Amino acid sequence: MTIFADDSFRILTVVDSQRLTPFMQRLRFTGTGLHRFNTLKNLHVRLYFSKQNKSFNCNLPATKNAAEHTDAFAVRYYTIRAIDPDSGFIDIDFVLHEDAGPGCSFARNARPGALCGMSGPCGLGMKPAKNYLLAGDETALPAIARICENLPGDVNGQIFLRAENCRYDIVAPPGMQICWLPRSTVSPAKFIEHVGGAAMETAASTNDYFLWLANAFSQWQDFRDKLSVLSKKRYLNACYWRDDMTTSH
């Protein structure tokens, strides 16, 4: 792992914690110099969590060879759900997995005053289009919600969400239809078939479209194969997590 000084590393402090749904926890952080992160071109940030009950060392990521410090902190990728750089706060929503990784554990236990590190922003965002298709599981909800809030009001498209017992609030433009697909009744294979078919229909019906998908590694692979016939400029297919390690939300 390499971390550079120009990656805008800083310390964040938890000021509030809110359970949004049975599986989603929102933490509000305060920090300084947050204007860099107020962009939709890069939706994600790296969060650094202390390991082994050690105090958070503010100087760790200053080195260009952070591998020597991997026993002290863990790094995971998350989406900024909301940001107000002038007021100095960032909201990040954490999926609460049964097999808790470092990010999930931090979110479950964080109290006001808890510290973590952040750098970035990183990852790719949306491209301008008149027609969109967005799809993902619980881990993609924060990104999809933020994307929807910032889309122009006259766009059209579909949003497919594979999630269970969800009361997560997503406000989309009037022309965007939201389809909730319960995890308990919609298998990964059915989800891939459903979304893949809709993606091909979108691509066939217009030249002005963009597809955004974020799922587990296995679904990422299947979508990669299905979307391979399309121009890479027309879609973003992201792997947000895998069974053996929670790499993002």
C-alpha atoms as a PDB file:
ATOM      1  CA  MET A   1       0.000   0.000   0.000  1.00  0.00           C
ATOM      2  CA  THR A   2       1.349   3.428  -0.942  1.00  0.00           C
ATOM      3  CA  ILE A   3       0.018   6.669   0.517  1.00  0.00           C
ATOM      4  CA  PHE A   4       1.275  10.004  -0.758  1.00  0.00           C
ATOM      5  CA  ALA A   5       1.386  13.348   0.977  1.00  0.00           C
ATOM      6  CA  ASP A   6      -0.690  14.972  -1.794  1.00  0.00           C
ATOM      7  CA  ASP A   7      -3.539  12.538  -1.101  1.00  0.00           C
ATOM      8  CA  SER A   8      -4.916  15.074   1.402  1.00  0.00           C
ATOM      9  CA  PHE A   9      -4.768  12.883   4.485  1.00  0.00           C
ATOM     10  CA  ARG A  10      -6.459  14.339   7.547  1.00  0.00           C
ATOM     11  CA  ILE A  11      -7.983  13.280  10.854  1.00  0.00           C
ATOM     12  CA  LEU A  12     -11.768  13.149  11.255  1.00  0.00           C
ATOM     13  CA  THR A  13     -13.636  13.243  14.555  1.00  0.00           C
ATOM     14  CA  VAL A  14     -17.013  11.575  15.089  1.00  0.00           C
ATOM     15  CA  VAL A  15     -19.646  14.013  16.376  1.00  0.00           C
ATOM     16  CA  ASP A  16     -22.836  11.997  15.852  1.00  0.00           C
ATOM     17  CA  SER A  17     -24.029   8.443  15.164  1.00  0.00           C
ATOM     18  CA  GLN A  18     -27.455   7.487  13.804  1.00  0.00           C
ATOM     19  CA  ARG A  19     -28.973   4.081  12.940  1.00  0.00           C
ATOM     20  CA  LEU A  20     -30.774   4.607   9.630  1.00  0.00           C
ATOM     21  CA  THR A  21     -31.946   1.045   8.995  1.00  0.00           C
ATOM     22  CA  PRO A  22     -31.265  -2.337  10.621  1.00  0.00           C
ATOM     23  CA  PHE A  23     -28.155  -2.624   8.459  1.00  0.00           C
ATOM     24  CA  MET A  24     -27.018   0.994   7.966  1.00  0.00           C
ATOM     25  CA  GLN A  25     -25.260   3.327  10.418  1.00  0.00           C
ATOM     26  CA  ARG A  26     -24.547   6.984   9.632  1.00  0.00           C
ATOM     27  CA  LEU A  27     -21.598   8.715  11.229  1.00  0.00           C
ATOM     28  CA  ARG A  28     -21.120  12.456  11.069  1.00  0.00           C
ATOM     29  CA  PHE A  29     -17.510  13.586  11.160  1.00  0.00           C
ATOM     30  CA  THR A  30     -15.901  16.973  11.523  1.00  0.00           C
ATOM     31  CA  GLY A  31     -12.609  17.938   9.961  1.00  0.00           C
ATOM     32  CA  THR A  32     -10.706  20.787   8.364  1.00  0.00           C
ATOM     33  CA  GLY A  33      -9.953  21.635   4.742  1.00  0.00           C
ATOM     34  CA  LEU A  34     -12.785  19.545   3.294  1.00  0.00           C
ATOM     35  CA  HIS A  35     -13.427  21.513   0.082  1.00  0.00           C
ATOM     36  CA  ARG A  36     -11.200  19.127  -1.878  1.00  0.00           C
ATOM     37  CA  PHE A  37     -13.665  16.313  -1.154  1.00  0.00           C
ATOM     38  CA  ASN A  38     -16.770  18.195  -2.343  1.00  0.00           C
ATOM     39  CA  THR A  39     -16.849  16.706  -5.851  1.00  0.00           C
ATOM     40  CA  LEU A  40     -18.942  14.218  -7.807  1.00  0.00           C
ATOM     41  CA  LYS A  41     -16.030  13.324 -10.091  1.00  0.00           C
ATOM     42  CA  ASN A  42     -14.607  11.164  -7.301  1.00  0.00           C
ATOM     43  CA  LEU A  43     -17.286   9.772  -4.990  1.00  0.00           C
ATOM     44  CA  HIS A  44     -15.088   7.800  -2.629  1.00  0.00           C
ATOM     45  CA  VAL A  45     -12.534   8.300   0.109  1.00  0.00           C
ATOM     46  CA  ARG A  46     -10.138   6.063   1.998  1.00  0.00           C
ATOM     47  CA  LEU A  47     -10.829   5.725   5.700  1.00  0.00           C
ATOM     48  CA  TYR A  48      -8.100   4.620   8.103  1.00  0.00           C
ATOM     49  CA  PHE A  49      -9.091   2.724  11.235  1.00  0.00           C
ATOM     50  CA  SER A  50      -6.906   1.971  14.229  1.00  0.00           C
ATOM     51  CA  LYS A  51      -6.249  -1.711  14.899  1.00  0.00           C
ATOM     52  CA  GLN A  52      -5.388  -3.654  18.047  1.00  0.00           C
ATOM     53  CA  ASN A  53      -6.830  -0.933  20.316  1.00  0.00           C
ATOM     54  CA  LYS A  54      -3.928   1.363  19.511  1.00  0.00           C
ATOM     55  CA  SER A  55      -4.271   5.126  19.648  1.00  0.00           C
ATOM     56  CA  PHE A  56      -4.672   6.670  16.222  1.00  0.00           C
ATOM     57  CA  ASN A  57      -1.311   7.947  15.039  1.00  0.00           C
ATOM     58  CA  CYS A  58      -1.866  11.090  12.980  1.00  0.00           C
ATOM     59  CA  ASN A  59       1.529  10.774  11.305  1.00  0.00           C
ATOM     60  CA  LEU A  60       1.219   7.243   9.912  1.00  0.00           C
ATOM     61  CA  PRO A  61       0.064   8.041   6.364  1.00  0.00           C
ATOM     62  CA  ALA A  62       2.681  10.779   5.952  1.00  0.00           C
ATOM     63  CA  THR A  63       5.181   8.142   4.844  1.00  0.00           C
ATOM     64  CA  LYS A  64       5.307   6.985   1.216  1.00  0.00           C
ATOM     65  CA  ASN A  65       5.752   3.404   2.384  1.00  0.00           C
ATOM     66  CA  ALA A  66       2.814   2.707   4.653  1.00  0.00           C
ATOM     67  CA  ALA A  67       3.192  -1.065   4.387  1.00  0.00           C
ATOM     68  CA  GLU A  68       5.380  -1.039   7.496  1.00  0.00           C
ATOM     69  CA  HIS A  69       2.415   0.331   9.472  1.00  0.00           C
ATOM     70  CA  THR A  70      -0.242  -2.185   8.404  1.00  0.00           C
ATOM     71  CA  ASP A  71      -0.225  -3.642  11.911  1.00  0.00           C
ATOM     72  CA  ALA A  72      -1.459  -0.294  13.227  1.00  0.00           C
ATOM     73  CA  PHE A  73      -4.344   0.639  10.899  1.00  0.00           C
ATOM     74  CA  ALA A  74      -6.724  -0.788   8.302  1.00  0.00           C
ATOM     75  CA  VAL A  75      -7.839   1.027   5.149  1.00  0.00           C
ATOM     76  CA  ARG A  76     -11.298   0.747   3.595  1.00  0.00           C
ATOM     77  CA  TYR A  77     -13.094   2.684   0.849  1.00  0.00           C
ATOM     78  CA  TYR A  78     -16.355   4.515   1.508  1.00  0.00           C
ATOM     79  CA  THR A  79     -18.688   6.946  -0.237  1.00  0.00           C
ATOM     80  CA  ILE A  80     -19.272  10.433   1.093  1.00  0.00           C
ATOM     81  CA  ARG A  81     -23.034  10.589   1.572  1.00  0.00           C
ATOM     82  CA  ALA A  82     -23.186  14.323   2.328  1.00  0.00           C
ATOM     83  CA  ILE A  83     -20.627  17.056   2.792  1.00  0.00           C
ATOM     84  CA  ASP A  84     -20.677  20.694   3.897  1.00  0.00           C
ATOM     85  CA  PRO A  85     -17.080  21.899   3.683  1.00  0.00           C
ATOM     86  CA  ASP A  86     -17.937  25.378   4.941  1.00  0.00           C
ATOM     87  CA  SER A  87     -19.425  23.919   8.130  1.00  0.00           C
ATOM     88  CA  GLY A  88     -16.696  21.295   8.297  1.00  0.00           C
ATOM     89  CA  PHE A  89     -18.750  18.093   8.365  1.00  0.00           C
ATOM     90  CA  ILE A  90     -18.997  14.876   6.348  1.00  0.00           C
ATOM     91  CA  ASP A  91     -21.656  12.146   6.597  1.00  0.00           C
ATOM     92  CA  ILE A  92     -20.667   8.576   5.753  1.00  0.00           C
ATOM     93  CA  ASP A  93     -23.065   5.619   5.845  1.00  0.00           C
ATOM     94  CA  PHE A  94     -21.690   2.225   6.903  1.00  0.00           C
ATOM     95  CA  VAL A  95     -23.289  -1.117   6.040  1.00  0.00           C
ATOM     96  CA  LEU A  96     -23.428  -3.294   9.161  1.00  0.00           C
ATOM     97  CA  HIS A  97     -22.282  -6.744   8.062  1.00  0.00           C
ATOM     98  CA  GLU A  98     -22.726  -9.878  10.149  1.00  0.00           C
ATOM     99  CA  ASP A  99     -19.017 -10.609   9.799  1.00  0.00           C
ATOM    100  CA  ALA A 100     -17.799  -7.213  10.902  1.00  0.00           C
ATOM    101  CA  GLY A 101     -14.637  -5.853   9.354  1.00  0.00           C
ATOM    102  CA  PRO A 102     -12.714  -2.836  10.667  1.00  0.00           C
ATOM    103  CA  GLY A 103     -15.060  -0.260   9.140  1.00  0.00           C
ATOM    104  CA  CYS A 104     -18.218  -1.983  10.316  1.00  0.00           C
ATOM    105  CA  SER A 105     -16.800  -2.465  13.813  1.00  0.00           C
ATOM    106  CA  PHE A 106     -15.811   1.189  13.978  1.00  0.00           C
ATOM    107  CA  ALA A 107     -19.309   2.295  12.927  1.00  0.00           C
ATOM    108  CA  ARG A 108     -21.027   0.036  15.470  1.00  0.00           C
ATOM    109  CA  ASN A 109     -18.934   1.253  18.375  1.00  0.00           C
ATOM    110  CA  ALA A 110     -18.073   4.852  17.487  1.00  0.00           C
ATOM    111  CA  ARG A 111     -19.013   7.525  19.990  1.00  0.00           C
ATOM    112  CA  PRO A 112     -18.509  11.288  19.762  1.00  0.00           C
ATOM    113  CA  GLY A 113     -14.792  11.951  19.922  1.00  0.00           C
ATOM    114  CA  ALA A 114     -13.733   8.771  18.094  1.00  0.00           C
ATOM    115  CA  LEU A 115     -11.026   9.331  15.475  1.00  0.00           C
ATOM    116  CA  CYS A 116     -10.254   7.926  12.053  1.00  0.00           C
ATOM    117  CA  GLY A 117      -8.149   9.083   9.131  1.00  0.00           C
ATOM    118  CA  MET A 118      -9.308  10.032   5.634  1.00  0.00           C
ATOM    119  CA  SER A 119      -7.584  10.623   2.300  1.00  0.00           C
ATOM    120  CA  GLY A 120      -8.652  11.066  -1.299  1.00  0.00           C
ATOM    121  CA  PRO A 121     -10.984  11.641  -2.967  1.00  0.00           C
ATOM    122  CA  CYS A 122     -10.740   8.642  -5.276  1.00  0.00           C
ATOM    123  CA  GLY A 123     -12.820   6.449  -7.557  1.00  0.00           C
ATOM    124  CA  LEU A 124     -14.800   7.465 -10.606  1.00  0.00           C
ATOM    125  CA  GLY A 125     -18.107   9.274 -10.730  1.00  0.00           C
ATOM    126  CA  MET A 126     -20.908   9.827 -13.209  1.00  0.00           C
ATOM    127  CA  LYS A 127     -20.760  11.097 -16.772  1.00  0.00           C
ATOM    128  CA  PRO A 128     -23.319  13.478 -18.295  1.00  0.00           C
ATOM    129  CA  ALA A 129     -26.210  11.759 -20.080  1.00  0.00           C
ATOM    130  CA  LYS A 130     -29.945  12.025 -20.609  1.00  0.00           C
ATOM    131  CA  ASN A 131     -30.643   8.404 -19.689  1.00  0.00           C
ATOM    132  CA  TYR A 132     -29.216   6.496 -16.729  1.00  0.00           C
ATOM    133  CA  LEU A 133     -29.311   3.032 -15.270  1.00  0.00           C
ATOM    134  CA  LEU A 134     -28.066   2.632 -11.696  1.00  0.00           C
ATOM    135  CA  ALA A 135     -27.845  -0.725  -9.939  1.00  0.00           C
ATOM    136  CA  GLY A 136     -26.360  -2.137  -6.760  1.00  0.00           C
ATOM    137  CA  ASP A 137     -26.853  -3.836  -3.419  1.00  0.00           C
ATOM    138  CA  GLU A 138     -26.867  -2.381   0.102  1.00  0.00           C
ATOM    139  CA  THR A 139     -23.258  -1.274  -0.179  1.00  0.00           C
ATOM    140  CA  ALA A 140     -24.102   0.911  -3.178  1.00  0.00           C
ATOM    141  CA  LEU A 141     -27.039   2.728  -1.561  1.00  0.00           C
ATOM    142  CA  PRO A 142     -25.048   5.724  -0.233  1.00  0.00           C
ATOM    143  CA  ALA A 143     -23.425   6.327  -3.613  1.00  0.00           C
ATOM    144  CA  ILE A 144     -26.683   5.908  -5.538  1.00  0.00           C
ATOM    145  CA  ALA A 145     -28.503   8.247  -3.142  1.00  0.00           C
ATOM    146  CA  ARG A 146     -25.852  10.930  -3.548  1.00  0.00           C
ATOM    147  CA  ILE A 147     -25.784  10.499  -7.328  1.00  0.00           C
ATOM    148  CA  CYS A 148     -29.571  10.822  -7.561  1.00  0.00           C
ATOM    149  CA  GLU A 149     -29.619  14.009  -5.508  1.00  0.00           C
ATOM    150  CA  ASN A 150     -27.217  15.617  -7.958  1.00  0.00           C
ATOM    151  CA  LEU A 151     -28.644  14.458 -11.297  1.00  0.00           C
ATOM    152  CA  PRO A 152     -30.402  17.068 -13.464  1.00  0.00           C
ATOM    153  CA  GLY A 153     -34.149  17.079 -12.983  1.00  0.00           C
ATOM    154  CA  ASP A 154     -34.908  16.219 -16.623  1.00  0.00           C
ATOM    155  CA  VAL A 155     -33.028  12.907 -16.896  1.00  0.00           C
ATOM    156  CA  ASN A 156     -34.718   9.541 -17.346  1.00  0.00           C
ATOM    157  CA  GLY A 157     -33.827   6.014 -16.390  1.00  0.00           C
ATOM    158  CA  GLN A 158     -34.046   3.135 -13.953  1.00  0.00           C
ATOM    159  CA  ILE A 159     -32.590   2.285 -10.549  1.00  0.00           C
ATOM    160  CA  PHE A 160     -32.346  -1.348  -9.415  1.00  0.00           C
ATOM    161  CA  LEU A 161     -31.584  -2.015  -5.753  1.00  0.00           C
ATOM    162  CA  ARG A 162     -31.090  -5.505  -4.309  1.00  0.00           C
ATOM    163  CA  ALA A 163     -31.595  -5.013  -0.586  1.00  0.00           C
ATOM    164  CA  GLU A 164     -33.613  -6.478   2.273  1.00  0.00           C
ATOM    165  CA  ASN A 165     -35.790  -4.717   4.865  1.00  0.00           C
ATOM    166  CA  CYS A 166     -34.705  -1.366   3.539  1.00  0.00           C
ATOM    167  CA  ARG A 167     -36.029   2.009   4.593  1.00  0.00           C
ATOM    168  CA  TYR A 168     -33.087   3.886   3.122  1.00  0.00           C
ATOM    169  CA  ASP A 169     -34.244   7.173   1.632  1.00  0.00           C
ATOM    170  CA  ILE A 170     -33.410   7.795  -2.027  1.00  0.00           C
ATOM    171  CA  VAL A 171     -34.770  10.895  -3.762  1.00  0.00           C
ATOM    172  CA  ALA A 172     -34.476  10.546  -7.534  1.00  0.00           C
ATOM    173  CA  PRO A 173     -35.487  12.821 -10.424  1.00  0.00           C
ATOM    174  CA  PRO A 174     -39.120  12.321 -11.553  1.00  0.00           C
ATOM    175  CA  GLY A 175     -38.037  10.459 -14.686  1.00  0.00           C
ATOM    176  CA  MET A 176     -36.023   7.863 -12.742  1.00  0.00           C
ATOM    177  CA  GLN A 177     -37.948   4.754 -11.677  1.00  0.00           C
ATOM    178  CA  ILE A 178     -36.763   2.957  -8.525  1.00  0.00           C
ATOM    179  CA  CYS A 179     -37.155  -0.823  -8.339  1.00  0.00           C
ATOM    180  CA  TRP A 180     -36.447  -2.510  -4.988  1.00  0.00           C
ATOM    181  CA  LEU A 181     -35.574  -6.201  -5.341  1.00  0.00           C
ATOM    182  CA  PRO A 182     -35.638  -8.103  -2.013  1.00  0.00           C
ATOM    183  CA  ARG A 183     -32.454 -10.041  -1.390  1.00  0.00           C
ATOM    184  CA  SER A 184     -34.456 -12.933   0.104  1.00  0.00           C
ATOM    185  CA  THR A 185     -36.406 -13.565  -3.101  1.00  0.00           C
ATOM    186  CA  VAL A 186     -34.086 -12.263  -5.821  1.00  0.00           C
ATOM    187  CA  SER A 187     -30.933 -14.329  -6.216  1.00  0.00           C
ATOM    188  CA  PRO A 188     -27.705 -12.826  -7.583  1.00  0.00           C
ATOM    189  CA  ALA A 189     -28.327 -14.675 -10.852  1.00  0.00           C
ATOM    190  CA  LYS A 190     -31.831 -13.184 -11.194  1.00  0.00           C
ATOM    191  CA  PHE A 191     -30.512  -9.731 -10.333  1.00  0.00           C
ATOM    192  CA  ILE A 192     -27.792  -9.997 -12.974  1.00  0.00           C
ATOM    193  CA  GLU A 193     -30.281 -11.224 -15.569  1.00  0.00           C
ATOM    194  CA  HIS A 194     -32.779  -8.475 -14.733  1.00  0.00           C
ATOM    195  CA  VAL A 195     -30.286  -5.619 -14.644  1.00  0.00           C
ATOM    196  CA  GLY A 196     -28.259  -6.928 -17.575  1.00  0.00           C
ATOM    197  CA  GLY A 197     -31.371  -7.083 -19.738  1.00  0.00           C
ATOM    198  CA  ALA A 198     -32.404  -3.568 -18.755  1.00  0.00           C
ATOM    199  CA  ALA A 199     -28.892  -2.301 -19.481  1.00  0.00           C
ATOM    200  CA  MET A 200     -28.948  -3.772 -22.983  1.00  0.00           C
ATOM    201  CA  GLU A 201     -32.394  -2.284 -23.603  1.00  0.00           C
ATOM    202  CA  THR A 202     -31.141   1.128 -22.501  1.00  0.00           C
ATOM    203  CA  ALA A 203     -28.114   0.898 -24.781  1.00  0.00           C
ATOM    204  CA  ALA A 204     -30.272  -0.184 -27.723  1.00  0.00           C
ATOM    205  CA  SER A 205     -32.839   2.582 -27.278  1.00  0.00           C
ATOM    206  CA  THR A 206     -30.558   5.632 -27.121  1.00  0.00           C
ATOM    207  CA  ASN A 207     -27.024   6.845 -27.767  1.00  0.00           C
ATOM    208  CA  ASP A 208     -27.151   9.229 -24.815  1.00  0.00           C
ATOM    209  CA  TYR A 209     -26.883   6.961 -21.777  1.00  0.00           C
ATOM    210  CA  PHE A 210     -24.649   5.999 -18.870  1.00  0.00           C
ATOM    211  CA  LEU A 211     -24.756   2.830 -16.749  1.00  0.00           C
ATOM    212  CA  TRP A 212     -23.496   2.757 -13.156  1.00  0.00           C
ATOM    213  CA  LEU A 213     -23.254  -0.558 -11.314  1.00  0.00           C
ATOM    214  CA  ALA A 214     -21.663  -1.486  -7.979  1.00  0.00           C
ATOM    215  CA  ASN A 215     -21.912  -4.937  -6.432  1.00  0.00           C
ATOM    216  CA  ALA A 216     -20.016  -7.854  -4.947  1.00  0.00           C
ATOM    217  CA  PHE A 217     -17.012  -9.265  -6.785  1.00  0.00           C
ATOM    218  CA  SER A 218     -18.897 -12.222  -8.267  1.00  0.00           C
ATOM    219  CA  GLN A 219     -21.624  -9.983  -9.695  1.00  0.00           C
ATOM    220  CA  TRP A 220     -19.001  -7.528 -10.908  1.00  0.00           C
ATOM    221  CA  GLN A 221     -17.457 -10.335 -12.951  1.00  0.00           C
ATOM    222  CA  ASP A 222     -20.799 -11.327 -14.483  1.00  0.00           C
ATOM    223  CA  PHE A 223     -21.719  -7.736 -15.323  1.00  0.00           C
ATOM    224  CA  ARG A 224     -18.258  -7.212 -16.813  1.00  0.00           C
ATOM    225  CA  ASP A 225     -18.928 -10.016 -19.276  1.00  0.00           C
ATOM    226  CA  LYS A 226     -22.425  -8.769 -20.139  1.00  0.00           C
ATOM    227  CA  LEU A 227     -21.316  -5.169 -20.657  1.00  0.00           C
ATOM    228  CA  SER A 228     -18.200  -6.027 -22.668  1.00  0.00           C
ATOM    229  CA  VAL A 229     -20.078  -5.407 -25.944  1.00  0.00           C
ATOM    230  CA  LEU A 230     -20.658  -1.764 -24.972  1.00  0.00           C
ATOM    231  CA  SER A 231     -18.285   1.171 -25.135  1.00  0.00           C
ATOM    232  CA  LYS A 232     -16.397   1.553 -21.852  1.00  0.00           C
ATOM    233  CA  LYS A 233     -17.178   5.260 -22.008  1.00  0.00           C
ATOM    234  CA  ARG A 234     -20.837   4.389 -21.439  1.00  0.00           C
ATOM    235  CA  TYR A 235     -20.631   2.528 -18.142  1.00  0.00           C
ATOM    236  CA  LEU A 236     -18.904   2.123 -14.800  1.00  0.00           C
ATOM    237  CA  ASN A 237     -18.941  -1.361 -13.271  1.00  0.00           C
ATOM    238  CA  ALA A 238     -17.422  -1.336  -9.779  1.00  0.00           C
ATOM    239  CA  CYS A 239     -16.576  -4.078  -7.299  1.00  0.00           C
ATOM    240  CA  TYR A 240     -17.549  -2.785  -3.851  1.00  0.00           C
ATOM    241  CA  TRP A 241     -16.889  -5.880  -1.770  1.00  0.00           C
ATOM    242  CA  ARG A 242     -16.059  -9.565  -1.827  1.00  0.00           C
ATOM    243  CA  ASP A 243     -16.966 -12.446   0.437  1.00  0.00           C
ATOM    244  CA  ASP A 244     -13.500 -12.796   1.931  1.00  0.00           C
ATOM    245  CA  MET A 245     -13.015  -9.086   2.705  1.00  0.00           C
ATOM    246  CA  THR A 246     -15.169  -5.973   2.849  1.00  0.00           C
ATOM    247  CA  THR A 247     -13.216  -3.661   0.552  1.00  0.00           C
ATOM    248  CA  SER A 248     -15.659  -0.774   0.577  1.00  0.00           C
ATOM    249  CA  HIS A 249     -19.072  -0.170   2.142  1.00  0.00           C
END
